[in-house]
Structures are given as C-alpha cells and as structure tokens.
Amino acid sequence: MKIKLALLFGLLTISMILTGCEPLLVFDTKGPQAATISNVIWISIITMAVVVITVIVLLINMLVKYRASKQPEDYEPPHIEGNPIVEGIIVGIPILIVAFLSFVSVISTYQVEAVPEGYEDQEPLVIYASSSDWKWHFAYPEEDIETVNYVFIPTHRPVEFRLYSHSTISSFWIPQLAGQKYAMADMVNKLNVVADVPAEMVGRNSNFNGAGFAENTFNVTSLEPEEFDSWIEDIHATAEPITEEEFTKLLEPGHLGQMTFTGTHLDFLPAPEGENGGHNHGSSETDHGNHEDHEDTDTESEHDQH
C-alpha cells in the first residue's frame, strides 16, 4: 500500500511540474524534416521506456519473490548449469532492439538528408548561411539580398541552406525545421528544409565556439510565397548595398542585432565551394604553370649534373 501511494504521489508531482512547461521545440514541428526527427525521438523514448519498465518490474518481482525472509534457515539453492531458453532470450531481445533502432536511424537519416517527399520537382530557394564570431549571415544570391541574424523563407517550397564558417566551427540548427548540421571553413554543407506553415521560429548555433556562444542565435520566419516576394521588394526599395569594407567589419568578433542589405558578400568573398573550395584555392592555369616551372627546374638540374 505504501509503495502504491508513493508511486501515485510521484506521478502527481511530475504532472504538476510538467503542466507549466512549454512544449519542446523539437516536438513542435513546422516541417516534414523536423517531423521525421520528432517521430524517431518518440520511437526511441517508447522503446527505452519498455525496456526500463520491464527490467524494473522483473527486478522488483525477484526481490519480493526470492527474498531471504521467505526461505527456511537451512535452505540451499539448487545448482543449475544453465538454461538455453533463458540465455537465448536475454541475448536475442537486446540484439532485436538494437537492430530495430539501427533500421529506424538509417531510414530516417536518408529521409532528413534528402529533399522532402513531394517537393523533389520544385526549384529550391538557395540561401548561403555562414557563421562568424558570433553572428549568422544569410546571403540570397538569386534575390540579391543579404541579412544578418535573421532569415525569411517561403512556405511550401524547398529551401537549400549552404553552410560554411568564416571562423570557428559552428552548428546550424532550427529545431522546428530540421536537425543540426556543421558549418565549417573551407567547405560547404547542405541542409534541405521545407516549412509547412507560416511561423516564427528560433535558430541557433549548437556547437560551443567561445565566449559569445550563448547569444549566437537568429530568428527564422516562414511566410506565404506572396508575402515573401513582397518582403524581397521592400528590401530592394529601402536597404543599403553591402560593401566589402562593411562586411569585413561584420566579421569582427562580437554580437550584432538584425541587419539587412542589398547585394551579397558572395560577389567579393565567394563561398568555399567548386573552384573556391578548400582544396582548390589556386586556378588550374596557375597550378599548370607551377608544374611546368617545376619540370623546367628538374631538367636544368639534370643538365648541370651531366
């Protein structure tokens, strides 16, 4: 009776505490990628809960059923060599659980990495999201605008974020749209998202990168396509153009509010992809010229030796 009252009291206490909590962002999804991740989290929680509850129930049953006070003083436990059925169960069930969770993880990973189902034939909106200490820069090359610490996206259209960093490694994360992905120097990572509904969301850097990490956040707003187009027109009508000098100042360590520009920094500081990637800083002509110079030097050295 006392155990039942204690359990009941514990459940009531937990219920009262959770009543005042806001819903976790990873469960308040606004897009198919985030919904997939949320489902995987729930599957994992339920699977682990079944395992934990089963183990606790069996433990309590063993402690009560086979406690020392129930046995006579001269009791000696029987000598048992083993039970193939029990051993098969205690080995087989964990293997099945791990195999099940592995299958779910692999399938969901491919789903969240790809363009969401139903949007494969649409042209994605490409946004270059680059980090600096401790800011986020969003360049829209097709729309020829750039924002700092906030990003607007249209609903019901695939968005391809191209991620990289101007300084330390950061992690781009919008919990209500997708999982996190790293932004690193000298390479570009891609993240596909779709917003199902108009909403205001919060994104952040989820990888510790120094003193300003805690405030390394940005706002995300999904708009209906017509409203998104109007927003683009307003920026071209009111914002100042970004310059290389201005952008260099923005890269200095520190925190800033939201800023808006026409043009993008990609015009004078391209993203590290293609011929501008980390392993292709020099042009092919330069590399070819260096190779020819190296061959000429080797030929002259051989001639001198002769």
C-alpha atoms as a PDB file:
ATOM      1  CA  MET A   1       0.000   0.000   0.000  1.00  0.00           C
ATOM      2  CA  LYS A   2       2.794   2.390   0.907  1.00  0.00           C
ATOM      3  CA  ILE A   3       4.540   1.672  -2.403  1.00  0.00           C
ATOM      4  CA  LYS A   4       1.371   2.418  -4.369  1.00  0.00           C
ATOM      5  CA  LEU A   5       0.856   5.719  -2.513  1.00  0.00           C
ATOM      6  CA  ALA A   6       4.476   6.701  -3.138  1.00  0.00           C
ATOM      7  CA  LEU A   7       4.157   5.978  -6.873  1.00  0.00           C
ATOM      8  CA  LEU A   8       0.877   7.896  -7.074  1.00  0.00           C
ATOM      9  CA  PHE A   9       2.394  10.878  -5.259  1.00  0.00           C
ATOM     10  CA  GLY A  10       5.387  10.823  -7.619  1.00  0.00           C
ATOM     11  CA  LEU A  11       3.182  10.790 -10.716  1.00  0.00           C
ATOM     12  CA  LEU A  12       1.073  13.675  -9.421  1.00  0.00           C
ATOM     13  CA  THR A  13       4.194  15.710  -8.635  1.00  0.00           C
ATOM     14  CA  ILE A  14       5.651  15.142 -12.107  1.00  0.00           C
ATOM     15  CA  SER A  15       2.306  16.053 -13.707  1.00  0.00           C
ATOM     16  CA  MET A  16       2.104  19.318 -11.760  1.00  0.00           C
ATOM     17  CA  ILE A  17       5.659  20.271 -12.707  1.00  0.00           C
ATOM     18  CA  LEU A  18       5.201  19.486 -16.404  1.00  0.00           C
ATOM     19  CA  THR A  19       1.927  21.412 -16.561  1.00  0.00           C
ATOM     20  CA  GLY A  20       3.829  24.708 -16.530  1.00  0.00           C
ATOM     21  CA  CYS A  21       6.353  23.678 -19.187  1.00  0.00           C
ATOM     22  CA  GLU A  22       6.190  24.919 -22.763  1.00  0.00           C
ATOM     23  CA  PRO A  23       6.255  22.252 -25.491  1.00  0.00           C
ATOM     24  CA  LEU A  24       9.764  21.259 -26.555  1.00  0.00           C
ATOM     25  CA  LEU A  25      10.684  22.847 -29.868  1.00  0.00           C
ATOM     26  CA  VAL A  26      11.767  19.520 -31.385  1.00  0.00           C
ATOM     27  CA  PHE A  27       8.199  18.253 -30.885  1.00  0.00           C
ATOM     28  CA  ASP A  28       6.519  21.480 -32.097  1.00  0.00           C
ATOM     29  CA  THR A  29       7.445  20.807 -35.713  1.00  0.00           C
ATOM     30  CA  LYS A  30       6.835  23.150 -38.651  1.00  0.00           C
ATOM     31  CA  GLY A  31       8.180  20.977 -41.464  1.00  0.00           C
ATOM     32  CA  PRO A  32       8.490  17.362 -42.664  1.00  0.00           C
ATOM     33  CA  GLN A  33      12.185  17.021 -41.778  1.00  0.00           C
ATOM     34  CA  ALA A  34      11.580  18.027 -38.179  1.00  0.00           C
ATOM     35  CA  ALA A  35       8.503  15.769 -38.024  1.00  0.00           C
ATOM     36  CA  THR A  36      10.654  12.786 -39.047  1.00  0.00           C
ATOM     37  CA  ILE A  37      13.201  13.594 -36.330  1.00  0.00           C
ATOM     38  CA  SER A  38      10.414  14.025 -33.759  1.00  0.00           C
ATOM     39  CA  ASN A  39       8.949  10.626 -34.656  1.00  0.00           C
ATOM     40  CA  VAL A  40      12.352   8.963 -34.275  1.00  0.00           C
ATOM     41  CA  ILE A  41      12.795  10.553 -30.845  1.00  0.00           C
ATOM     42  CA  TRP A  42       9.387   9.240 -29.742  1.00  0.00           C
ATOM     43  CA  ILE A  43      10.143   5.761 -31.088  1.00  0.00           C
ATOM     44  CA  SER A  44      13.427   5.746 -29.151  1.00  0.00           C
ATOM     45  CA  ILE A  45      11.772   7.011 -25.956  1.00  0.00           C
ATOM     46  CA  ILE A  46       8.993   4.410 -26.106  1.00  0.00           C
ATOM     47  CA  THR A  47      11.434   1.591 -26.878  1.00  0.00           C
ATOM     48  CA  MET A  48      13.703   2.558 -23.986  1.00  0.00           C
ATOM     49  CA  ALA A  49      10.721   3.021 -21.667  1.00  0.00           C
ATOM     50  CA  VAL A  50       9.500  -0.523 -22.409  1.00  0.00           C
ATOM     51  CA  VAL A  51      12.975  -1.896 -21.664  1.00  0.00           C
ATOM     52  CA  VAL A  52      13.396   0.093 -18.430  1.00  0.00           C
ATOM     53  CA  ILE A  53       9.901  -0.667 -17.113  1.00  0.00           C
ATOM     54  CA  THR A  54      10.280  -4.374 -17.918  1.00  0.00           C
ATOM     55  CA  VAL A  55      13.631  -4.553 -16.126  1.00  0.00           C
ATOM     56  CA  ILE A  56      12.309  -2.695 -13.060  1.00  0.00           C
ATOM     57  CA  VAL A  57       9.204  -4.925 -12.839  1.00  0.00           C
ATOM     58  CA  LEU A  58      11.325  -8.090 -13.106  1.00  0.00           C
ATOM     59  CA  LEU A  59      13.775  -6.743 -10.514  1.00  0.00           C
ATOM     60  CA  ILE A  60      11.004  -5.937  -8.023  1.00  0.00           C
ATOM     61  CA  ASN A  61       9.422  -9.350  -8.625  1.00  0.00           C
ATOM     62  CA  MET A  62      12.728 -11.130  -7.974  1.00  0.00           C
ATOM     63  CA  LEU A  63      13.430  -9.098  -4.827  1.00  0.00           C
ATOM     64  CA  VAL A  64       9.978  -9.818  -3.395  1.00  0.00           C
ATOM     65  CA  LYS A  65       9.547 -13.424  -4.513  1.00  0.00           C
ATOM     66  CA  TYR A  66      13.009 -14.667  -3.599  1.00  0.00           C
ATOM     67  CA  ARG A  67      13.855 -12.518  -0.581  1.00  0.00           C
ATOM     68  CA  ALA A  68      15.768 -14.265   2.184  1.00  0.00           C
ATOM     69  CA  SER A  69      12.996 -13.911   4.782  1.00  0.00           C
ATOM     70  CA  LYS A  70      10.748 -16.290   2.812  1.00  0.00           C
ATOM     71  CA  GLN A  71      13.194 -19.190   2.882  1.00  0.00           C
ATOM     72  CA  PRO A  72      13.889 -21.600   5.767  1.00  0.00           C
ATOM     73  CA  GLU A  73      17.200 -21.229   7.619  1.00  0.00           C
ATOM     74  CA  ASP A  74      18.593 -24.472   6.143  1.00  0.00           C
ATOM     75  CA  TYR A  75      17.656 -23.569   2.562  1.00  0.00           C
ATOM     76  CA  GLU A  76      20.329 -24.206  -0.074  1.00  0.00           C
ATOM     77  CA  PRO A  77      19.688 -23.016  -3.657  1.00  0.00           C
ATOM     78  CA  PRO A  78      19.842 -25.738  -6.324  1.00  0.00           C
ATOM     79  CA  HIS A  79      22.884 -25.963  -8.562  1.00  0.00           C
ATOM     80  CA  ILE A  80      21.834 -25.072 -12.132  1.00  0.00           C
ATOM     81  CA  GLU A  81      24.166 -25.416 -15.099  1.00  0.00           C
ATOM     82  CA  GLY A  82      22.207 -23.107 -17.389  1.00  0.00           C
ATOM     83  CA  ASN A  83      19.015 -22.671 -19.345  1.00  0.00           C
ATOM     84  CA  PRO A  84      19.327 -22.325 -23.148  1.00  0.00           C
ATOM     85  CA  ILE A  85      15.876 -20.745 -23.450  1.00  0.00           C
ATOM     86  CA  VAL A  86      16.582 -18.023 -20.885  1.00  0.00           C
ATOM     87  CA  GLU A  87      20.037 -17.367 -22.309  1.00  0.00           C
ATOM     88  CA  GLY A  88      18.572 -17.104 -25.802  1.00  0.00           C
ATOM     89  CA  ILE A  89      16.010 -14.589 -24.593  1.00  0.00           C
ATOM     90  CA  ILE A  90      18.452 -12.351 -22.704  1.00  0.00           C
ATOM     91  CA  VAL A  91      20.810 -12.280 -25.702  1.00  0.00           C
ATOM     92  CA  GLY A  92      18.273 -12.259 -28.534  1.00  0.00           C
ATOM     93  CA  ILE A  93      15.993  -9.469 -27.287  1.00  0.00           C
ATOM     94  CA  PRO A  94      18.808  -6.839 -26.995  1.00  0.00           C
ATOM     95  CA  ILE A  95      20.006  -7.809 -30.485  1.00  0.00           C
ATOM     96  CA  LEU A  96      16.486  -7.299 -31.880  1.00  0.00           C
ATOM     97  CA  ILE A  97      16.152  -3.944 -30.101  1.00  0.00           C
ATOM     98  CA  VAL A  98      19.484  -2.668 -31.450  1.00  0.00           C
ATOM     99  CA  ALA A  99      18.646  -3.928 -34.953  1.00  0.00           C
ATOM    100  CA  PHE A 100      15.255  -2.198 -34.848  1.00  0.00           C
ATOM    101  CA  LEU A 101      16.678   1.141 -33.690  1.00  0.00           C
ATOM    102  CA  SER A 102      19.502   0.891 -36.249  1.00  0.00           C
ATOM    103  CA  PHE A 103      16.982   0.317 -39.048  1.00  0.00           C
ATOM    104  CA  VAL A 104      14.907   3.315 -37.925  1.00  0.00           C
ATOM    105  CA  SER A 105      18.026   5.508 -37.682  1.00  0.00           C
ATOM    106  CA  VAL A 106      19.302   4.619 -41.158  1.00  0.00           C
ATOM    107  CA  ILE A 107      15.932   5.137 -42.857  1.00  0.00           C
ATOM    108  CA  SER A 108      15.281   8.447 -41.083  1.00  0.00           C
ATOM    109  CA  THR A 109      18.804   9.726 -41.821  1.00  0.00           C
ATOM    110  CA  TYR A 110      18.264   9.286 -45.561  1.00  0.00           C
ATOM    111  CA  GLN A 111      14.851  10.952 -45.268  1.00  0.00           C
ATOM    112  CA  VAL A 112      16.081  14.086 -43.481  1.00  0.00           C
ATOM    113  CA  GLU A 113      19.108  14.463 -45.768  1.00  0.00           C
ATOM    114  CA  ALA A 114      17.050  14.393 -48.974  1.00  0.00           C
ATOM    115  CA  VAL A 115      14.584  16.940 -50.300  1.00  0.00           C
ATOM    116  CA  PRO A 116      11.243  16.200 -48.581  1.00  0.00           C
ATOM    117  CA  GLU A 117       8.870  13.895 -50.417  1.00  0.00           C
ATOM    118  CA  GLY A 118       6.561  15.766 -52.772  1.00  0.00           C
ATOM    119  CA  TYR A 119       8.969  18.667 -53.322  1.00  0.00           C
ATOM    120  CA  GLU A 120      11.583  16.919 -55.471  1.00  0.00           C
ATOM    121  CA  ASP A 121      10.461  18.612 -58.713  1.00  0.00           C
ATOM    122  CA  GLN A 122      10.424  22.158 -57.308  1.00  0.00           C
ATOM    123  CA  GLU A 123      13.342  24.531 -57.720  1.00  0.00           C
ATOM    124  CA  PRO A 124      14.801  25.119 -54.225  1.00  0.00           C
ATOM    125  CA  LEU A 125      15.484  28.538 -52.777  1.00  0.00           C
ATOM    126  CA  VAL A 126      19.253  28.638 -52.195  1.00  0.00           C
ATOM    127  CA  ILE A 127      20.452  30.528 -49.117  1.00  0.00           C
ATOM    128  CA  TYR A 128      24.091  30.683 -48.071  1.00  0.00           C
ATOM    129  CA  ALA A 129      24.197  30.638 -44.264  1.00  0.00           C
ATOM    130  CA  SER A 130      27.652  31.478 -42.972  1.00  0.00           C
ATOM    131  CA  SER A 131      28.759  31.995 -39.393  1.00  0.00           C
ATOM    132  CA  SER A 132      31.263  34.335 -37.780  1.00  0.00           C
ATOM    133  CA  ASP A 133      32.028  35.069 -34.137  1.00  0.00           C
ATOM    134  CA  TRP A 134      29.134  35.323 -33.114  1.00  0.00           C
ATOM    135  CA  LYS A 135      26.736  36.081 -35.921  1.00  0.00           C
ATOM    136  CA  TRP A 136      24.908  34.422 -38.804  1.00  0.00           C
ATOM    137  CA  HIS A 137      24.994  35.860 -42.332  1.00  0.00           C
ATOM    138  CA  PHE A 138      22.294  34.844 -44.833  1.00  0.00           C
ATOM    139  CA  ALA A 139      23.004  35.535 -48.497  1.00  0.00           C
ATOM    140  CA  TYR A 140      20.250  35.113 -51.121  1.00  0.00           C
ATOM    141  CA  PRO A 141      22.138  35.039 -54.443  1.00  0.00           C
ATOM    142  CA  GLU A 142      19.024  34.723 -56.622  1.00  0.00           C
ATOM    143  CA  GLU A 143      17.222  37.563 -54.843  1.00  0.00           C
ATOM    144  CA  ASP A 144      20.464  39.608 -54.479  1.00  0.00           C
ATOM    145  CA  ILE A 145      19.962  40.453 -50.805  1.00  0.00           C
ATOM    146  CA  GLU A 146      21.666  39.610 -47.520  1.00  0.00           C
ATOM    147  CA  THR A 147      20.531  39.574 -43.899  1.00  0.00           C
ATOM    148  CA  VAL A 148      22.320  39.267 -40.574  1.00  0.00           C
ATOM    149  CA  ASN A 149      20.935  37.264 -37.644  1.00  0.00           C
ATOM    150  CA  TYR A 150      17.555  36.627 -39.249  1.00  0.00           C
ATOM    151  CA  VAL A 151      16.215  34.736 -42.242  1.00  0.00           C
ATOM    152  CA  PHE A 152      12.880  34.718 -44.065  1.00  0.00           C
ATOM    153  CA  ILE A 153      11.768  31.703 -46.117  1.00  0.00           C
ATOM    154  CA  PRO A 154       8.627  30.934 -48.146  1.00  0.00           C
ATOM    155  CA  THR A 155       6.268  28.152 -47.135  1.00  0.00           C
ATOM    156  CA  HIS A 156       5.650  25.065 -49.286  1.00  0.00           C
ATOM    157  CA  ARG A 157       8.912  25.491 -51.176  1.00  0.00           C
ATOM    158  CA  PRO A 158      12.147  23.557 -50.613  1.00  0.00           C
ATOM    159  CA  VAL A 159      14.958  25.640 -49.153  1.00  0.00           C
ATOM    160  CA  GLU A 160      18.585  24.603 -49.536  1.00  0.00           C
ATOM    161  CA  PHE A 161      20.834  26.120 -46.888  1.00  0.00           C
ATOM    162  CA  ARG A 162      24.505  26.048 -47.862  1.00  0.00           C
ATOM    163  CA  LEU A 163      26.504  26.203 -44.660  1.00  0.00           C
ATOM    164  CA  TYR A 164      30.060  27.325 -44.002  1.00  0.00           C
ATOM    165  CA  SER A 165      32.038  29.367 -41.493  1.00  0.00           C
ATOM    166  CA  HIS A 166      34.291  32.408 -41.654  1.00  0.00           C
ATOM    167  CA  SER A 167      35.957  31.437 -38.370  1.00  0.00           C
ATOM    168  CA  THR A 168      35.401  28.632 -35.854  1.00  0.00           C
ATOM    169  CA  ILE A 169      33.221  25.574 -36.453  1.00  0.00           C
ATOM    170  CA  SER A 170      29.555  26.306 -35.767  1.00  0.00           C
ATOM    171  CA  SER A 171      26.441  24.159 -35.876  1.00  0.00           C
ATOM    172  CA  PHE A 172      23.358  25.437 -37.719  1.00  0.00           C
ATOM    173  CA  TRP A 173      20.154  24.323 -36.010  1.00  0.00           C
ATOM    174  CA  ILE A 174      16.494  25.241 -36.441  1.00  0.00           C
ATOM    175  CA  PRO A 175      14.782  22.707 -34.119  1.00  0.00           C
ATOM    176  CA  GLN A 176      11.309  23.177 -35.614  1.00  0.00           C
ATOM    177  CA  LEU A 177      12.515  22.624 -39.193  1.00  0.00           C
ATOM    178  CA  ALA A 178      15.453  20.189 -39.158  1.00  0.00           C
ATOM    179  CA  GLY A 179      18.343  18.725 -37.218  1.00  0.00           C
ATOM    180  CA  GLN A 180      21.685  20.438 -36.715  1.00  0.00           C
ATOM    181  CA  LYS A 181      24.465  20.483 -39.287  1.00  0.00           C
ATOM    182  CA  TYR A 182      28.015  21.801 -39.012  1.00  0.00           C
ATOM    183  CA  ALA A 183      29.237  24.976 -40.687  1.00  0.00           C
ATOM    184  CA  MET A 184      32.996  24.769 -41.266  1.00  0.00           C
ATOM    185  CA  ALA A 185      35.675  26.766 -43.025  1.00  0.00           C
ATOM    186  CA  ASP A 186      36.920  25.680 -46.466  1.00  0.00           C
ATOM    187  CA  MET A 187      33.852  23.554 -47.244  1.00  0.00           C
ATOM    188  CA  VAL A 188      30.093  23.819 -47.740  1.00  0.00           C
ATOM    189  CA  ASN A 189      27.477  21.543 -46.165  1.00  0.00           C
ATOM    190  CA  LYS A 190      23.919  21.450 -47.473  1.00  0.00           C
ATOM    191  CA  LEU A 191      20.725  21.286 -45.420  1.00  0.00           C
ATOM    192  CA  ASN A 192      17.301  20.790 -47.041  1.00  0.00           C
ATOM    193  CA  VAL A 193      14.198  22.090 -45.259  1.00  0.00           C
ATOM    194  CA  VAL A 194      10.564  22.894 -46.011  1.00  0.00           C
ATOM    195  CA  ALA A 195       8.208  24.986 -43.879  1.00  0.00           C
ATOM    196  CA  ASP A 196       4.639  23.683 -43.904  1.00  0.00           C
ATOM    197  CA  VAL A 197       3.024  26.682 -42.236  1.00  0.00           C
ATOM    198  CA  PRO A 198       3.755  30.376 -41.611  1.00  0.00           C
ATOM    199  CA  ALA A 199       5.541  30.649 -38.285  1.00  0.00           C
ATOM    200  CA  GLU A 200       8.150  32.478 -36.256  1.00  0.00           C
ATOM    201  CA  MET A 201      10.970  30.251 -35.061  1.00  0.00           C
ATOM    202  CA  VAL A 202      14.345  30.466 -33.390  1.00  0.00           C
ATOM    203  CA  GLY A 203      17.594  29.032 -34.697  1.00  0.00           C
ATOM    204  CA  ARG A 204      20.939  28.850 -33.008  1.00  0.00           C
ATOM    205  CA  ASN A 205      24.491  27.610 -33.039  1.00  0.00           C
ATOM    206  CA  SER A 206      24.511  24.321 -31.114  1.00  0.00           C
ATOM    207  CA  ASN A 207      28.294  23.875 -31.123  1.00  0.00           C
ATOM    208  CA  PHE A 208      30.263  25.676 -28.391  1.00  0.00           C
ATOM    209  CA  ASN A 209      32.619  28.150 -30.050  1.00  0.00           C
ATOM    210  CA  GLY A 210      33.770  30.614 -27.451  1.00  0.00           C
ATOM    211  CA  ALA A 211      32.592  33.375 -25.164  1.00  0.00           C
ATOM    212  CA  GLY A 212      29.667  34.520 -27.313  1.00  0.00           C
ATOM    213  CA  PHE A 213      28.178  31.069 -27.883  1.00  0.00           C
ATOM    214  CA  ALA A 214      25.088  31.568 -25.689  1.00  0.00           C
ATOM    215  CA  GLU A 215      23.851  34.546 -27.740  1.00  0.00           C
ATOM    216  CA  ASN A 216      24.773  33.046 -31.121  1.00  0.00           C
ATOM    217  CA  THR A 217      21.123  32.839 -32.226  1.00  0.00           C
ATOM    218  CA  PHE A 218      18.972  34.001 -35.148  1.00  0.00           C
ATOM    219  CA  ASN A 219      15.286  34.384 -35.951  1.00  0.00           C
ATOM    220  CA  VAL A 220      13.525  32.380 -38.643  1.00  0.00           C
ATOM    221  CA  THR A 221      10.218  33.455 -40.213  1.00  0.00           C
ATOM    222  CA  SER A 222       8.277  31.420 -42.756  1.00  0.00           C
ATOM    223  CA  LEU A 223       5.906  33.433 -44.945  1.00  0.00           C
ATOM    224  CA  GLU A 224       3.347  32.691 -47.609  1.00  0.00           C
ATOM    225  CA  PRO A 225       5.012  32.960 -51.055  1.00  0.00           C
ATOM    226  CA  GLU A 226       3.252  36.264 -51.865  1.00  0.00           C
ATOM    227  CA  GLU A 227       4.367  37.832 -48.598  1.00  0.00           C
ATOM    228  CA  PHE A 228       7.912  36.553 -49.152  1.00  0.00           C
ATOM    229  CA  ASP A 229       8.039  38.219 -52.590  1.00  0.00           C
ATOM    230  CA  SER A 230       6.764  41.481 -51.079  1.00  0.00           C
ATOM    231  CA  TRP A 231       9.484  41.312 -48.423  1.00  0.00           C
ATOM    232  CA  ILE A 232      12.139  40.969 -51.147  1.00  0.00           C
ATOM    233  CA  GLU A 233      10.732  44.005 -52.975  1.00  0.00           C
ATOM    234  CA  ASP A 234      10.731  46.071 -49.765  1.00  0.00           C
ATOM    235  CA  ILE A 235      14.395  45.288 -49.135  1.00  0.00           C
ATOM    236  CA  HIS A 236      15.413  46.387 -52.640  1.00  0.00           C
ATOM    237  CA  ALA A 237      13.450  49.604 -52.119  1.00  0.00           C
ATOM    238  CA  THR A 238      14.848  50.511 -48.690  1.00  0.00           C
ATOM    239  CA  ALA A 239      18.113  48.697 -47.822  1.00  0.00           C
ATOM    240  CA  GLU A 240      21.648  49.917 -48.467  1.00  0.00           C
ATOM    241  CA  PRO A 241      24.082  47.803 -50.530  1.00  0.00           C
ATOM    242  CA  ILE A 242      26.644  45.719 -48.699  1.00  0.00           C
ATOM    243  CA  THR A 243      30.302  46.542 -49.349  1.00  0.00           C
ATOM    244  CA  GLU A 244      33.481  44.604 -48.784  1.00  0.00           C
ATOM    245  CA  GLU A 245      34.564  47.098 -46.143  1.00  0.00           C
ATOM    246  CA  GLU A 246      31.243  46.805 -44.306  1.00  0.00           C
ATOM    247  CA  PHE A 247      31.307  43.018 -44.434  1.00  0.00           C
ATOM    248  CA  THR A 248      34.875  42.916 -43.094  1.00  0.00           C
ATOM    249  CA  LYS A 249      33.676  44.861 -40.053  1.00  0.00           C
ATOM    250  CA  LEU A 250      30.776  42.433 -39.598  1.00  0.00           C
ATOM    251  CA  LEU A 251      33.235  39.533 -39.356  1.00  0.00           C
ATOM    252  CA  GLU A 252      34.935  41.006 -36.294  1.00  0.00           C
ATOM    253  CA  PRO A 253      34.103  39.065 -33.081  1.00  0.00           C
ATOM    254  CA  GLY A 254      31.073  40.396 -31.240  1.00  0.00           C
ATOM    255  CA  HIS A 255      27.287  40.468 -31.209  1.00  0.00           C
ATOM    256  CA  LEU A 256      25.003  42.457 -33.501  1.00  0.00           C
ATOM    257  CA  GLY A 257      21.300  42.975 -33.995  1.00  0.00           C
ATOM    258  CA  GLN A 258      19.434  42.248 -37.197  1.00  0.00           C
ATOM    259  CA  MET A 259      20.722  43.911 -40.362  1.00  0.00           C
ATOM    260  CA  THR A 260      19.597  43.963 -43.998  1.00  0.00           C
ATOM    261  CA  PHE A 261      21.470  44.738 -47.239  1.00  0.00           C
ATOM    262  CA  THR A 262      21.031  44.599 -50.968  1.00  0.00           C
ATOM    263  CA  GLY A 263      23.649  42.565 -52.808  1.00  0.00           C
ATOM    264  CA  THR A 264      25.584  39.746 -51.153  1.00  0.00           C
ATOM    265  CA  HIS A 265      29.115  39.216 -49.878  1.00  0.00           C
ATOM    266  CA  LEU A 266      29.404  36.341 -52.352  1.00  0.00           C
ATOM    267  CA  ASP A 267      30.284  38.907 -55.038  1.00  0.00           C
ATOM    268  CA  PHE A 268      33.635  39.720 -53.397  1.00  0.00           C
ATOM    269  CA  LEU A 269      34.089  36.768 -50.985  1.00  0.00           C
ATOM    270  CA  PRO A 270      32.717  33.588 -52.625  1.00  0.00           C
ATOM    271  CA  ALA A 271      31.695  30.547 -50.617  1.00  0.00           C
ATOM    272  CA  PRO A 272      34.309  27.754 -50.338  1.00  0.00           C
ATOM    273  CA  GLU A 273      32.824  25.503 -52.998  1.00  0.00           C
ATOM    274  CA  GLY A 274      33.807  24.482 -56.510  1.00  0.00           C
ATOM    275  CA  GLU A 275      36.977  26.220 -57.661  1.00  0.00           C
ATOM    276  CA  ASN A 276      36.872  28.303 -54.468  1.00  0.00           C
ATOM    277  CA  GLY A 277      36.819  25.212 -52.228  1.00  0.00           C
ATOM    278  CA  GLY A 278      39.361  24.488 -49.549  1.00  0.00           C
ATOM    279  CA  HIS A 279      41.461  22.235 -51.793  1.00  0.00           C
ATOM    280  CA  ASN A 280      41.241  24.418 -54.913  1.00  0.00           C
ATOM    281  CA  HIS A 281      42.315  27.885 -53.853  1.00  0.00           C
ATOM    282  CA  GLY A 282      44.553  28.321 -56.935  1.00  0.00           C
ATOM    283  CA  SER A 283      43.397  28.345 -60.538  1.00  0.00           C
ATOM    284  CA  SER A 284      44.161  25.471 -62.836  1.00  0.00           C
ATOM    285  CA  GLU A 285      46.290  27.741 -65.009  1.00  0.00           C
ATOM    286  CA  THR A 286      48.427  28.711 -62.035  1.00  0.00           C
ATOM    287  CA  ASP A 287      48.827  25.114 -60.953  1.00  0.00           C
ATOM    288  CA  HIS A 288      49.725  24.112 -64.513  1.00  0.00           C
ATOM    289  CA  GLY A 289      52.276  26.926 -64.708  1.00  0.00           C
ATOM    290  CA  ASN A 290      53.841  25.899 -61.403  1.00  0.00           C
ATOM    291  CA  HIS A 291      54.020  22.312 -62.612  1.00  0.00           C
ATOM    292  CA  GLU A 292      55.784  23.399 -65.823  1.00  0.00           C
ATOM    293  CA  ASP A 293      58.244  25.550 -63.837  1.00  0.00           C
ATOM    294  CA  HIS A 294      58.975  22.586 -61.595  1.00  0.00           C
ATOM    295  CA  GLU A 295      59.651  20.378 -64.627  1.00  0.00           C
ATOM    296  CA  ASP A 296      61.955  23.034 -66.176  1.00  0.00           C
ATOM    297  CA  THR A 297      63.912  23.246 -62.903  1.00  0.00           C
ATOM    298  CA  ASP A 298      64.306  19.476 -62.797  1.00  0.00           C
ATOM    299  CA  THR A 299      65.516  19.429 -66.432  1.00  0.00           C
ATOM    300  CA  GLU A 300      68.107  22.144 -65.739  1.00  0.00           C
ATOM    301  CA  SER A 301      69.321  20.266 -62.658  1.00  0.00           C
ATOM    302  CA  GLU A 302      69.788  17.082 -64.680  1.00  0.00           C
ATOM    303  CA  HIS A 303      71.656  19.027 -67.384  1.00  0.00           C
ATOM    304  CA  ASP A 304      74.009  20.570 -64.811  1.00  0.00           C
ATOM    305  CA  GLN A 305      74.755  17.137 -63.339  1.00  0.00           C
ATOM    306  CA  HIS A 306      75.753  15.844 -66.773  1.00  0.00           C
END
